[in-house]
Amino acid sequence: MCEEGVKPAINLKLKSLEDLARLLASKAFSSGKEVTPVFYFKVGEFHVYGSLLFTDGFFDLNTLPIFVYYVSKKPLKGRFIGYRIEAGKELVEVVDAPEGTGLFFPVIELEDPPLFIKIEKDELKQTAQQ
């Protein structure tokens, strides 16, 4: 999926939607509640949900783009991924509109994967969740 001359982001495949929400929530808390969008696109029959994060510096102080993502066999039913802690329990939900307390990450549907994302269909088969 990466065109010649476009360097791909480093992929970090997560095990669950909860892991993606938790990671984005930790980033939001550390950056003053800045909410990161979740990009959604299809690769074959697989549904990919992910966000682009950046390191503060690495080895020679260059920033590295990291695409963190979750793969599902079915699309999520909603336009926001909500995350909150309530009564000592972590709650992750997919909703059509934000309401109540917590963080809500907008799901942005892309026509095609971005040029800097290189994910192969065979790679997705191994870990896609129901």
N, C-alpha and C. Protein backbone atom coordinates (compact mmCIF):
# COMPACT_ATOMS: atom_id res chain seq x y z
N MET A 1 0.80 -1.19 0.00
CA MET A 1 0.00 0.00 0.00
C MET A 1 0.84 1.26 0.00
N CYS A 2 2.10 1.18 0.39
CA CYS A 2 2.97 2.36 0.37
C CYS A 2 3.52 2.55 -1.03
N GLU A 3 3.41 3.77 -1.52
CA GLU A 3 3.98 4.06 -2.83
C GLU A 3 5.47 4.34 -2.68
N GLU A 4 6.17 4.19 -3.78
CA GLU A 4 7.61 4.43 -3.77
C GLU A 4 7.91 5.85 -3.30
N GLY A 5 8.88 5.97 -2.42
CA GLY A 5 9.27 7.28 -1.91
C GLY A 5 8.52 7.69 -0.65
N VAL A 6 7.46 6.97 -0.29
CA VAL A 6 6.71 7.26 0.92
C VAL A 6 7.12 6.25 1.98
N LYS A 7 7.71 6.73 3.07
CA LYS A 7 8.13 5.82 4.13
C LYS A 7 6.91 5.42 4.96
N PRO A 8 6.78 4.12 5.24
CA PRO A 8 5.62 3.68 6.04
C PRO A 8 5.81 3.99 7.52
N ALA A 9 4.69 4.14 8.19
CA ALA A 9 4.71 4.27 9.65
C ALA A 9 5.05 2.90 10.23
N ILE A 10 5.48 2.89 11.47
CA ILE A 10 5.71 1.63 12.17
C ILE A 10 4.35 1.14 12.64
N ASN A 11 4.01 -0.11 12.32
CA ASN A 11 2.72 -0.67 12.72
C ASN A 11 2.81 -1.31 14.09
N LEU A 12 1.78 -1.07 14.89
CA LEU A 12 1.67 -1.70 16.19
C LEU A 12 0.25 -2.23 16.31
N LYS A 13 0.14 -3.54 16.08
CA LYS A 13 -1.18 -4.18 16.09
C LYS A 13 -1.58 -4.49 17.52
N LEU A 14 -2.77 -4.06 17.92
CA LEU A 14 -3.27 -4.26 19.27
C LEU A 14 -4.23 -5.45 19.29
N LYS A 15 -4.37 -6.05 20.46
CA LYS A 15 -5.18 -7.26 20.59
C LYS A 15 -6.68 -6.98 20.64
N SER A 16 -7.06 -5.80 21.14
CA SER A 16 -8.49 -5.54 21.31
C SER A 16 -8.83 -4.07 21.13
N LEU A 17 -10.11 -3.81 20.95
CA LEU A 17 -10.61 -2.44 20.88
C LEU A 17 -10.36 -1.74 22.21
N GLU A 18 -10.45 -2.47 23.31
CA GLU A 18 -10.19 -1.90 24.62
C GLU A 18 -8.74 -1.41 24.72
N ASP A 19 -7.81 -2.17 24.14
CA ASP A 19 -6.41 -1.75 24.15
C ASP A 19 -6.22 -0.44 23.38
N LEU A 20 -6.90 -0.33 22.22
CA LEU A 20 -6.82 0.90 21.42
C LEU A 20 -7.38 2.08 22.22
N ALA A 21 -8.55 1.90 22.81
CA ALA A 21 -9.18 2.98 23.58
C ALA A 21 -8.32 3.37 24.78
N ARG A 22 -7.76 2.39 25.47
CA ARG A 22 -6.91 2.67 26.63
C ARG A 22 -5.66 3.44 26.23
N LEU A 23 -5.05 3.05 25.12
CA LEU A 23 -3.85 3.74 24.65
C LEU A 23 -4.16 5.19 24.27
N LEU A 24 -5.26 5.38 23.54
CA LEU A 24 -5.64 6.74 23.14
C LEU A 24 -6.03 7.59 24.36
N ALA A 25 -6.66 6.96 25.35
CA ALA A 25 -7.02 7.68 26.57
C ALA A 25 -5.76 8.11 27.32
N SER A 26 -4.76 7.23 27.38
CA SER A 26 -3.53 7.59 28.09
C SER A 26 -2.83 8.74 27.37
N LYS A 27 -2.89 8.75 26.05
CA LYS A 27 -2.31 9.86 25.28
C LYS A 27 -3.09 11.15 25.53
N ALA A 28 -4.41 11.04 25.57
CA ALA A 28 -5.25 12.22 25.81
C ALA A 28 -4.98 12.80 27.20
N PHE A 29 -4.86 11.96 28.21
CA PHE A 29 -4.61 12.45 29.57
C PHE A 29 -3.24 13.12 29.67
N SER A 30 -2.25 12.58 28.94
CA SER A 30 -0.91 13.15 29.03
C SER A 30 -0.76 14.43 28.20
N SER A 31 -1.69 14.66 27.27
CA SER A 31 -1.59 15.86 26.42
C SER A 31 -2.67 16.89 26.74
N GLY A 32 -3.25 16.79 27.89
CA GLY A 32 -4.26 17.78 28.28
C GLY A 32 -5.62 17.51 27.66
N LYS A 33 -5.98 16.25 27.53
CA LYS A 33 -7.29 15.81 27.01
C LYS A 33 -7.48 16.05 25.51
N GLU A 34 -6.39 16.14 24.78
CA GLU A 34 -6.49 16.25 23.32
C GLU A 34 -6.96 14.90 22.77
N VAL A 35 -8.06 14.91 22.05
CA VAL A 35 -8.66 13.68 21.54
C VAL A 35 -8.10 13.35 20.15
N THR A 36 -7.65 12.13 20.00
CA THR A 36 -7.07 11.66 18.74
C THR A 36 -8.15 10.97 17.92
N PRO A 37 -8.29 11.29 16.63
CA PRO A 37 -9.27 10.58 15.81
C PRO A 37 -8.84 9.15 15.53
N VAL A 38 -9.81 8.29 15.31
CA VAL A 38 -9.56 6.90 14.94
C VAL A 38 -9.92 6.77 13.46
N PHE A 39 -8.95 6.36 12.66
CA PHE A 39 -9.20 6.17 11.23
C PHE A 39 -9.71 4.76 10.98
N TYR A 40 -10.70 4.67 10.13
CA TYR A 40 -11.29 3.37 9.78
C TYR A 40 -11.17 3.17 8.28
N PHE A 41 -10.69 2.00 7.88
CA PHE A 41 -10.66 1.62 6.48
C PHE A 41 -10.70 0.11 6.38
N LYS A 42 -11.00 -0.38 5.19
CA LYS A 42 -11.05 -1.82 4.96
C LYS A 42 -9.83 -2.28 4.18
N VAL A 43 -9.36 -3.45 4.52
CA VAL A 43 -8.33 -4.15 3.75
C VAL A 43 -8.93 -5.51 3.45
N GLY A 44 -9.40 -5.70 2.21
CA GLY A 44 -10.13 -6.92 1.88
C GLY A 44 -11.40 -6.96 2.70
N GLU A 45 -11.63 -8.08 3.39
CA GLU A 45 -12.83 -8.22 4.22
C GLU A 45 -12.61 -7.77 5.67
N PHE A 46 -11.43 -7.26 5.98
CA PHE A 46 -11.09 -6.87 7.34
C PHE A 46 -11.32 -5.38 7.57
N HIS A 47 -11.73 -5.06 8.79
CA HIS A 47 -12.00 -3.69 9.20
C HIS A 47 -10.88 -3.24 10.13
N VAL A 48 -10.20 -2.17 9.75
CA VAL A 48 -9.04 -1.68 10.49
C VAL A 48 -9.40 -0.35 11.14
N TYR A 49 -9.15 -0.26 12.46
CA TYR A 49 -9.38 0.95 13.23
C TYR A 49 -8.07 1.34 13.88
N GLY A 50 -7.58 2.54 13.61
CA GLY A 50 -6.29 2.90 14.18
C GLY A 50 -6.05 4.40 14.22
N SER A 51 -4.98 4.76 14.89
CA SER A 51 -4.57 6.16 15.02
C SER A 51 -3.08 6.28 14.80
N LEU A 52 -2.70 7.44 14.34
CA LEU A 52 -1.29 7.72 14.12
C LEU A 52 -0.76 8.49 15.32
N LEU A 53 0.25 7.91 15.96
CA LEU A 53 0.90 8.54 17.11
C LEU A 53 2.35 8.82 16.73
N PHE A 54 2.98 9.72 17.47
CA PHE A 54 4.36 10.08 17.17
C PHE A 54 5.19 10.00 18.44
N THR A 55 6.42 9.50 18.30
CA THR A 55 7.35 9.50 19.42
C THR A 55 7.89 10.91 19.60
N ASP A 56 8.37 11.21 20.77
CA ASP A 56 8.96 12.53 21.02
C ASP A 56 10.35 12.64 20.41
N GLY A 57 10.97 11.55 20.17
CA GLY A 57 12.31 11.52 19.60
C GLY A 57 12.85 10.11 19.73
N PHE A 58 13.71 9.73 18.84
CA PHE A 58 14.19 8.36 18.85
C PHE A 58 15.60 8.33 18.29
N PHE A 59 16.52 7.79 19.02
CA PHE A 59 17.93 7.69 18.66
C PHE A 59 18.51 9.01 18.19
N ASP A 60 18.33 9.36 16.92
CA ASP A 60 18.93 10.60 16.40
C ASP A 60 17.96 11.78 16.53
N LEU A 61 17.02 11.65 17.45
CA LEU A 61 16.04 12.69 17.77
C LEU A 61 15.03 12.97 16.67
N ASN A 62 14.90 12.05 15.74
CA ASN A 62 13.84 12.16 14.74
C ASN A 62 12.55 11.58 15.31
N THR A 63 11.44 12.17 14.97
CA THR A 63 10.15 11.65 15.40
C THR A 63 9.77 10.47 14.53
N LEU A 64 9.24 9.42 15.18
CA LEU A 64 8.79 8.24 14.44
C LEU A 64 7.27 8.18 14.44
N PRO A 65 6.67 7.99 13.27
CA PRO A 65 5.21 7.80 13.22
C PRO A 65 4.89 6.33 13.55
N ILE A 66 3.94 6.14 14.43
CA ILE A 66 3.52 4.78 14.81
C ILE A 66 2.02 4.68 14.57
N PHE A 67 1.62 3.72 13.76
CA PHE A 67 0.20 3.49 13.50
C PHE A 67 -0.24 2.36 14.43
N VAL A 68 -1.04 2.69 15.44
CA VAL A 68 -1.57 1.70 16.37
C VAL A 68 -2.96 1.33 15.88
N TYR A 69 -3.23 0.01 15.79
CA TYR A 69 -4.51 -0.37 15.20
C TYR A 69 -5.06 -1.67 15.76
N TYR A 70 -6.36 -1.81 15.56
CA TYR A 70 -7.14 -2.98 15.95
C TYR A 70 -7.84 -3.47 14.69
N VAL A 71 -7.94 -4.78 14.53
CA VAL A 71 -8.56 -5.37 13.35
C VAL A 71 -9.79 -6.18 13.77
N SER A 72 -10.86 -6.03 13.00
CA SER A 72 -12.10 -6.75 13.27
C SER A 72 -12.63 -7.37 11.98
N LYS A 73 -13.36 -8.45 12.12
CA LYS A 73 -14.01 -9.06 10.96
C LYS A 73 -15.33 -8.36 10.64
N LYS A 74 -15.85 -7.62 11.63
CA LYS A 74 -17.12 -6.90 11.45
C LYS A 74 -16.91 -5.42 11.75
N PRO A 75 -17.66 -4.55 11.07
CA PRO A 75 -17.52 -3.11 11.36
C PRO A 75 -18.13 -2.78 12.72
N LEU A 76 -17.60 -1.74 13.34
CA LEU A 76 -18.16 -1.26 14.60
C LEU A 76 -19.47 -0.54 14.30
N LYS A 77 -20.40 -0.59 15.23
CA LYS A 77 -21.71 0.04 15.04
C LYS A 77 -21.75 1.35 15.82
N GLY A 78 -21.19 2.40 15.23
CA GLY A 78 -21.18 3.70 15.87
C GLY A 78 -20.08 4.58 15.30
N ARG A 79 -20.14 5.87 15.62
CA ARG A 79 -19.20 6.85 15.05
C ARG A 79 -18.19 7.37 16.07
N PHE A 80 -18.27 6.91 17.33
CA PHE A 80 -17.35 7.31 18.37
C PHE A 80 -17.00 6.11 19.24
N ILE A 81 -15.75 6.06 19.68
CA ILE A 81 -15.32 5.06 20.65
C ILE A 81 -15.19 5.79 21.98
N GLY A 82 -16.01 5.38 22.94
CA GLY A 82 -16.02 6.02 24.25
C GLY A 82 -15.16 5.25 25.24
N TYR A 83 -14.51 6.00 26.14
CA TYR A 83 -13.67 5.40 27.18
C TYR A 83 -13.90 6.15 28.48
N ARG A 84 -14.15 5.38 29.55
CA ARG A 84 -14.26 6.00 30.87
C ARG A 84 -14.01 4.94 31.95
N ILE A 85 -13.69 5.44 33.11
CA ILE A 85 -13.54 4.58 34.29
C ILE A 85 -14.72 4.91 35.20
N GLU A 86 -15.44 3.87 35.60
CA GLU A 86 -16.61 4.09 36.44
C GLU A 86 -16.65 3.00 37.51
N ALA A 87 -16.74 3.42 38.75
CA ALA A 87 -16.77 2.48 39.88
C ALA A 87 -15.62 1.48 39.82
N GLY A 88 -14.44 1.99 39.43
CA GLY A 88 -13.25 1.13 39.39
C GLY A 88 -13.19 0.18 38.22
N LYS A 89 -14.08 0.34 37.26
CA LYS A 89 -14.09 -0.53 36.08
C LYS A 89 -13.89 0.29 34.81
N GLU A 90 -13.16 -0.28 33.90
CA GLU A 90 -12.92 0.35 32.60
C GLU A 90 -14.10 0.05 31.68
N LEU A 91 -14.65 1.10 31.06
CA LEU A 91 -15.77 0.92 30.14
C LEU A 91 -15.39 1.47 28.77
N VAL A 92 -15.49 0.62 27.77
CA VAL A 92 -15.25 1.01 26.38
C VAL A 92 -16.52 0.69 25.62
N GLU A 93 -17.03 1.69 24.90
CA GLU A 93 -18.27 1.48 24.15
C GLU A 93 -18.20 2.23 22.82
N VAL A 94 -18.93 1.71 21.86
CA VAL A 94 -19.03 2.36 20.56
C VAL A 94 -20.42 2.96 20.49
N VAL A 95 -20.48 4.29 20.26
CA VAL A 95 -21.75 5.01 20.29
C VAL A 95 -21.89 5.90 19.05
N ASP A 96 -23.11 6.32 18.77
CA ASP A 96 -23.35 7.22 17.63
C ASP A 96 -23.03 8.67 17.95
N ALA A 97 -23.14 9.04 19.23
CA ALA A 97 -22.86 10.42 19.64
C ALA A 97 -22.34 10.43 21.07
N PRO A 98 -21.39 11.31 21.36
CA PRO A 98 -20.87 11.39 22.73
C PRO A 98 -21.93 11.89 23.70
N GLU A 99 -21.96 11.27 24.88
CA GLU A 99 -22.85 11.77 25.93
C GLU A 99 -22.27 11.34 27.27
N GLY A 100 -22.50 12.16 28.27
CA GLY A 100 -22.00 11.85 29.60
C GLY A 100 -20.52 12.18 29.74
N THR A 101 -19.90 11.56 30.71
CA THR A 101 -18.50 11.83 30.99
C THR A 101 -17.61 10.82 30.26
N GLY A 102 -16.35 11.11 30.22
CA GLY A 102 -15.39 10.23 29.58
C GLY A 102 -14.80 10.87 28.35
N LEU A 103 -14.02 10.10 27.65
CA LEU A 103 -13.40 10.54 26.40
C LEU A 103 -14.10 9.85 25.25
N PHE A 104 -14.27 10.59 24.16
CA PHE A 104 -14.91 10.01 22.97
C PHE A 104 -14.02 10.30 21.77
N PHE A 105 -13.57 9.24 21.12
CA PHE A 105 -12.68 9.35 19.97
C PHE A 105 -13.49 9.19 18.69
N PRO A 106 -13.52 10.21 17.82
CA PRO A 106 -14.32 10.11 16.60
C PRO A 106 -13.73 9.09 15.63
N VAL A 107 -14.60 8.31 15.02
CA VAL A 107 -14.19 7.34 14.01
C VAL A 107 -14.36 8.01 12.65
N ILE A 108 -13.26 8.14 11.92
CA ILE A 108 -13.26 8.81 10.62
C ILE A 108 -13.04 7.76 9.54
N GLU A 109 -14.05 7.60 8.69
CA GLU A 109 -13.96 6.58 7.64
C GLU A 109 -13.17 7.10 6.45
N LEU A 110 -12.17 6.34 6.04
CA LEU A 110 -11.35 6.68 4.89
C LEU A 110 -11.75 5.82 3.70
N GLU A 111 -11.66 6.38 2.52
CA GLU A 111 -11.96 5.63 1.30
C GLU A 111 -10.93 4.52 1.09
N ASP A 112 -9.67 4.85 1.33
CA ASP A 112 -8.56 3.91 1.16
C ASP A 112 -7.57 4.13 2.30
N PRO A 113 -6.74 3.13 2.58
CA PRO A 113 -5.69 3.34 3.59
C PRO A 113 -4.75 4.45 3.13
N PRO A 114 -4.22 5.25 4.06
CA PRO A 114 -3.25 6.29 3.70
C PRO A 114 -2.00 5.67 3.09
N LEU A 115 -1.28 6.44 2.29
CA LEU A 115 -0.08 5.94 1.62
C LEU A 115 1.00 5.49 2.59
N PHE A 116 1.04 6.06 3.79
CA PHE A 116 2.09 5.72 4.75
C PHE A 116 1.74 4.53 5.64
N ILE A 117 0.59 3.90 5.40
CA ILE A 117 0.19 2.71 6.16
C ILE A 117 0.38 1.49 5.27
N LYS A 118 1.21 0.57 5.73
CA LYS A 118 1.46 -0.65 4.98
C LYS A 118 0.99 -1.84 5.81
N ILE A 119 -0.18 -2.34 5.49
CA ILE A 119 -0.74 -3.49 6.17
C ILE A 119 -1.16 -4.49 5.10
N GLU A 120 -0.65 -5.69 5.20
CA GLU A 120 -0.96 -6.73 4.23
C GLU A 120 -2.16 -7.55 4.70
N LYS A 121 -2.97 -7.99 3.76
CA LYS A 121 -4.17 -8.76 4.07
C LYS A 121 -3.82 -10.04 4.82
N ASP A 122 -2.75 -10.72 4.43
CA ASP A 122 -2.36 -11.96 5.09
C ASP A 122 -2.01 -11.72 6.56
N GLU A 123 -1.44 -10.57 6.85
CA GLU A 123 -1.08 -10.19 8.22
C GLU A 123 -2.35 -10.05 9.07
N LEU A 124 -3.43 -9.58 8.48
CA LEU A 124 -4.66 -9.35 9.21
C LEU A 124 -5.40 -10.63 9.53
N LYS A 125 -5.30 -11.62 8.70
CA LYS A 125 -6.00 -12.89 8.90
C LYS A 125 -5.64 -13.54 10.21
N GLN A 126 -4.41 -13.37 10.64
CA GLN A 126 -3.92 -14.05 11.84
C GLN A 126 -4.55 -13.54 13.13
N THR A 127 -4.97 -12.29 13.17
CA THR A 127 -5.40 -11.72 14.45
C THR A 127 -6.76 -11.04 14.42
N ALA A 128 -7.49 -11.09 13.34
CA ALA A 128 -8.77 -10.39 13.28
C ALA A 128 -9.73 -10.94 14.33
N GLN A 129 -10.38 -10.02 15.04
CA GLN A 129 -11.35 -10.39 16.07
C GLN A 129 -12.75 -10.46 15.45
N GLN A 130 -13.61 -11.16 16.11
CA GLN A 130 -15.00 -11.24 15.66
C GLN A 130 -15.63 -9.93 15.98
